[in-house]
C-alpha atoms as a PDB file:
ATOM      1  CA  MET A   1      -7.029   8.471   8.221  1.00  0.00           C
ATOM      2  CA  GLN A   2      -8.906  10.317   5.514  1.00  0.00           C
ATOM      3  CA  THR A   3     -10.873   8.290   2.998  1.00  0.00           C
ATOM      4  CA  ASP A   4     -11.661   9.203  -0.576  1.00  0.00           C
ATOM      5  CA  GLY A   5     -14.838   7.233  -1.239  1.00  0.00           C
ATOM      6  CA  ARG A   6     -15.491   8.379  -4.801  1.00  0.00           C
ATOM      7  CA  LEU A   7     -14.369   5.067  -6.330  1.00  0.00           C
ATOM      8  CA  GLY A   8     -15.345   2.667  -3.574  1.00  0.00           C
ATOM      9  CA  SER A   9     -14.597   1.800   0.023  1.00  0.00           C
ATOM     10  CA  PHE A  10     -12.124  -0.343   1.910  1.00  0.00           C
ATOM     11  CA  GLU A  11     -15.024  -2.496   3.084  1.00  0.00           C
ATOM     12  CA  GLU A  12     -16.067  -3.191  -0.519  1.00  0.00           C
ATOM     13  CA  VAL A  13     -12.536  -4.216  -1.463  1.00  0.00           C
ATOM     14  CA  ILE A  14     -12.075  -6.586   1.490  1.00  0.00           C
ATOM     15  CA  ALA A  15     -15.505  -8.123   0.860  1.00  0.00           C
ATOM     16  CA  GLU A  16     -14.118  -9.335  -2.483  1.00  0.00           C
ATOM     17  CA  ALA A  17     -10.795 -10.450  -0.973  1.00  0.00           C
ATOM     18  CA  GLY A  18     -12.210 -13.531   0.785  1.00  0.00           C
ATOM     19  CA  GLY A  19      -9.600 -15.259   2.935  1.00  0.00           C
ATOM     20  CA  LEU A  20      -7.045 -12.559   2.143  1.00  0.00           C
ATOM     21  CA  ALA A  21      -9.055  -9.844   3.908  1.00  0.00           C
ATOM     22  CA  PRO A  22      -7.015 -10.201   7.152  1.00  0.00           C
ATOM     23  CA  ILE A  23      -3.857  -9.263   5.233  1.00  0.00           C
ATOM     24  CA  LEU A  24      -5.496  -6.117   3.870  1.00  0.00           C
ATOM     25  CA  THR A  25      -6.815  -5.278   7.324  1.00  0.00           C
ATOM     26  CA  ALA A  26      -3.350  -5.738   8.852  1.00  0.00           C
ATOM     27  CA  LEU A  27      -1.843  -3.442   6.215  1.00  0.00           C
ATOM     28  CA  ARG A  28      -4.480  -0.808   6.841  1.00  0.00           C
ATOM     29  CA  GLY A  29      -3.783  -0.912  10.581  1.00  0.00           C
ATOM     30  CA  LEU A  30      -0.060  -0.540   9.954  1.00  0.00           C
ATOM     31  CA  ILE A  31      -0.647   2.456   7.660  1.00  0.00           C
ATOM     32  CA  GLU A  32      -2.904   4.046  10.303  1.00  0.00           C
ATOM     33  CA  GLU A  33      -0.099   3.635  12.833  1.00  0.00           C
ATOM     34  CA  LEU A  34       2.672   4.953  10.562  1.00  0.00           C
ATOM     35  CA  HIS A  35       0.705   7.721   8.842  1.00  0.00           C
ATOM     36  CA  PRO A  36      -2.474   8.672  10.744  1.00  0.00           C
ATOM     37  CA  ASP A  37      -3.232  11.463   8.240  1.00  0.00           C
ATOM     38  CA  ALA A  38      -2.878   9.235   5.170  1.00  0.00           C
ATOM     39  CA  VAL A  39      -5.444   9.553   2.415  1.00  0.00           C
ATOM     40  CA  GLU A  40      -6.940   6.148   1.651  1.00  0.00           C
ATOM     41  CA  THR A  41      -8.426   5.581  -1.787  1.00  0.00           C
ATOM     42  CA  ALA A  42     -10.240   2.347  -2.605  1.00  0.00           C
ATOM     43  CA  SER A  43     -11.323   1.266  -6.058  1.00  0.00           C
ATOM     44  CA  ARG A  44     -14.111  -1.284  -6.460  1.00  0.00           C
ATOM     45  CA  LYS A  45     -13.308  -1.633 -10.154  1.00  0.00           C
ATOM     46  CA  GLU A  46      -9.568  -2.257  -9.685  1.00  0.00           C
ATOM     47  CA  GLN A  47     -10.036  -4.054  -6.333  1.00  0.00           C
ATOM     48  CA  THR A  48      -7.248  -1.957  -4.843  1.00  0.00           C
ATOM     49  CA  VAL A  49      -6.662   0.242  -1.844  1.00  0.00           C
ATOM     50  CA  SER A  50      -3.982   2.914  -1.964  1.00  0.00           C
ATOM     51  CA  TRP A  51      -2.491   5.243   0.614  1.00  0.00           C
ATOM     52  CA  GLY A  52      -0.723   8.551   0.318  1.00  0.00           C
ATOM     53  CA  PHE A  53      -0.979  12.291   0.682  1.00  0.00           C
ATOM     54  CA  PRO A  54      -3.714  14.611  -0.611  1.00  0.00           C
ATOM     55  CA  GLY A  55      -3.623  14.870  -4.394  1.00  0.00           C
ATOM     56  CA  SER A  56      -3.516  12.518  -7.332  1.00  0.00           C
ATOM     57  CA  ARG A  57      -3.080   8.859  -6.367  1.00  0.00           C
ATOM     58  CA  MET A  58      -0.236   8.409  -8.865  1.00  0.00           C
ATOM     59  CA  THR A  59       1.552  11.574  -7.730  1.00  0.00           C
ATOM     60  CA  ALA A  60       0.813  11.690  -4.009  1.00  0.00           C
ATOM     61  CA  GLY A  61       0.286   7.989  -3.328  1.00  0.00           C
ATOM     62  CA  TYR A  62       3.088   5.844  -1.988  1.00  0.00           C
ATOM     63  CA  ALA A  63       1.602   2.372  -1.493  1.00  0.00           C
ATOM     64  CA  TYR A  64      -1.265   0.212  -2.701  1.00  0.00           C
ATOM     65  CA  ALA A  65      -2.609  -3.255  -2.015  1.00  0.00           C
ATOM     66  CA  ARG A  66      -4.458  -5.685  -4.262  1.00  0.00           C
ATOM     67  CA  ALA A  67      -5.656  -9.169  -3.420  1.00  0.00           C
ATOM     68  CA  PHE A  68      -5.004 -11.903  -5.949  1.00  0.00           C
ATOM     69  CA  ARG A  69      -6.007 -15.547  -5.608  1.00  0.00           C
ATOM     70  CA  PHE A  70      -3.331 -16.688  -3.147  1.00  0.00           C
ATOM     71  CA  HIS A  71      -1.557 -13.501  -2.074  1.00  0.00           C
ATOM     72  CA  VAL A  72      -1.834  -9.750  -1.656  1.00  0.00           C
ATOM     73  CA  ASN A  73       0.485  -7.488  -3.604  1.00  0.00           C
ATOM     74  CA  LEU A  74       1.722  -4.592  -1.520  1.00  0.00           C
ATOM     75  CA  GLY A  75       2.948  -2.206  -4.168  1.00  0.00           C
ATOM     76  CA  PHE A  76       4.983   0.948  -4.029  1.00  0.00           C
ATOM     77  CA  PHE A  77       4.425   3.639  -6.654  1.00  0.00           C
ATOM     78  CA  GLN A  78       8.076   4.726  -6.436  1.00  0.00           C
ATOM     79  CA  GLY A  79       9.473   1.394  -5.293  1.00  0.00           C
ATOM     80  CA  VAL A  80      12.540   1.648  -7.505  1.00  0.00           C
ATOM     81  CA  HIS A  81      13.779   4.454  -5.202  1.00  0.00           C
ATOM     82  CA  LEU A  82      13.328   2.570  -1.920  1.00  0.00           C
ATOM     83  CA  PRO A  83      16.048   0.919   0.124  1.00  0.00           C
ATOM     84  CA  ASP A  84      15.379  -2.817   0.258  1.00  0.00           C
ATOM     85  CA  PRO A  85      18.040  -4.488   2.420  1.00  0.00           C
ATOM     86  CA  ALA A  86      15.872  -7.622   2.815  1.00  0.00           C
ATOM     87  CA  GLY A  87      15.541  -7.994  -0.975  1.00  0.00           C
ATOM     88  CA  LEU A  88      11.743  -8.237  -0.885  1.00  0.00           C
ATOM     89  CA  LEU A  89      10.788  -5.941  -3.757  1.00  0.00           C
ATOM     90  CA  GLU A  90       9.837  -7.494  -7.089  1.00  0.00           C
ATOM     91  CA  GLY A  91       9.192  -5.927 -10.470  1.00  0.00           C
ATOM     92  CA  SER A  92      11.053  -4.558 -13.428  1.00  0.00           C
ATOM     93  CA  GLY A  93       9.061  -1.487 -14.466  1.00  0.00           C
ATOM     94  CA  LYS A  94      10.253   2.093 -14.508  1.00  0.00           C
ATOM     95  CA  ALA A  95       9.059   2.890 -10.964  1.00  0.00           C
ATOM     96  CA  LEU A  96       6.605   0.354  -9.478  1.00  0.00           C
ATOM     97  CA  ARG A  97       7.750  -2.451  -7.207  1.00  0.00           C
ATOM     98  CA  HIS A  98       5.741  -4.879  -5.067  1.00  0.00           C
ATOM     99  CA  VAL A  99       5.981  -7.504  -2.349  1.00  0.00           C
ATOM    100  CA  LYS A 100       3.790 -10.615  -2.279  1.00  0.00           C
ATOM    101  CA  LEU A 101       2.209 -11.156   1.141  1.00  0.00           C
ATOM    102  CA  ARG A 102       0.574 -14.450   2.108  1.00  0.00           C
ATOM    103  CA  SER A 103      -0.313 -13.840   5.760  1.00  0.00           C
ATOM    104  CA  PRO A 104      -1.081 -10.998   8.175  1.00  0.00           C
ATOM    105  CA  GLU A 105       2.159 -11.854   9.982  1.00  0.00           C
ATOM    106  CA  GLU A 106       4.156 -11.193   6.806  1.00  0.00           C
ATOM    107  CA  ALA A 107       2.318  -7.874   6.419  1.00  0.00           C
ATOM    108  CA  LEU A 108       3.425  -6.812   9.899  1.00  0.00           C
ATOM    109  CA  ALA A 109       7.080  -7.863   9.514  1.00  0.00           C
ATOM    110  CA  PRO A 110       9.753  -5.262  10.337  1.00  0.00           C
ATOM    111  CA  ALA A 111      10.987  -5.225   6.712  1.00  0.00           C
ATOM    112  CA  ILE A 112       7.472  -4.313   5.476  1.00  0.00           C
ATOM    113  CA  ARG A 113       7.231  -1.581   8.109  1.00  0.00           C
ATOM    114  CA  ALA A 114      10.594  -0.219   6.947  1.00  0.00           C
ATOM    115  CA  LEU A 115       9.476  -0.209   3.297  1.00  0.00           C
ATOM    116  CA  LEU A 116       6.264   1.643   4.166  1.00  0.00           C
ATOM    117  CA  ILE A 117       8.170   4.241   6.201  1.00  0.00           C
ATOM    118  CA  ALA A 118      10.676   4.728   3.374  1.00  0.00           C
ATOM    119  CA  ALA A 119       7.853   5.030   0.815  1.00  0.00           C
ATOM    120  CA  ARG A 120       5.966   7.540   2.965  1.00  0.00           C
ATOM    121  CA  ASP A 121       9.097   9.605   3.539  1.00  0.00           C
ATOM    122  CA  GLU A 122      10.094   9.493  -0.155  1.00  0.00           C
ATOM    123  CA  ARG A 123       6.682  10.880  -1.195  1.00  0.00           C
ATOM    124  CA  ALA A 124       6.709  13.516   1.553  1.00  0.00           C
ATOM    125  CA  ALA A 125      10.129  14.733   0.360  1.00  0.00           C
ATOM    126  CA  ALA A 126       9.080  14.687  -3.298  1.00  0.00           C
ATOM    127  CA  LEU A 127       5.906  16.658  -2.604  1.00  0.00           C
ATOM    128  CA  ASN A 128       7.595  19.188  -0.308  1.00  0.00           C
ATOM    129  CA  PRO A 129      11.093  19.788  -1.743  1.00  0.00           C
END
């Protein structure tokens, strides 16, 4: 995995996540498995970590995670275009959708894996038509 440390680091984000850090760590491990060449961008200011392809986070990114008080949002920049047979995606914006995760086990569920694969593949196709 490539890291873009200009805005912060994964370690800085999980340090602020408290008891939710294991969820972020599980997500990162899953991304490393599914997309070993992913570009990881962390933002201390936004307390987010995002993953995608080289380029602008909003153009080349496909997923992000942010810890809240009791859950982690796993968001998808183009979530409106993803298949969601389990009905997990929430949101009503033009493109963004998210899933609320409350445990590392939820983060590693087959439906989450499928969403991440679909998001990765959607961005790859959009960037390389």
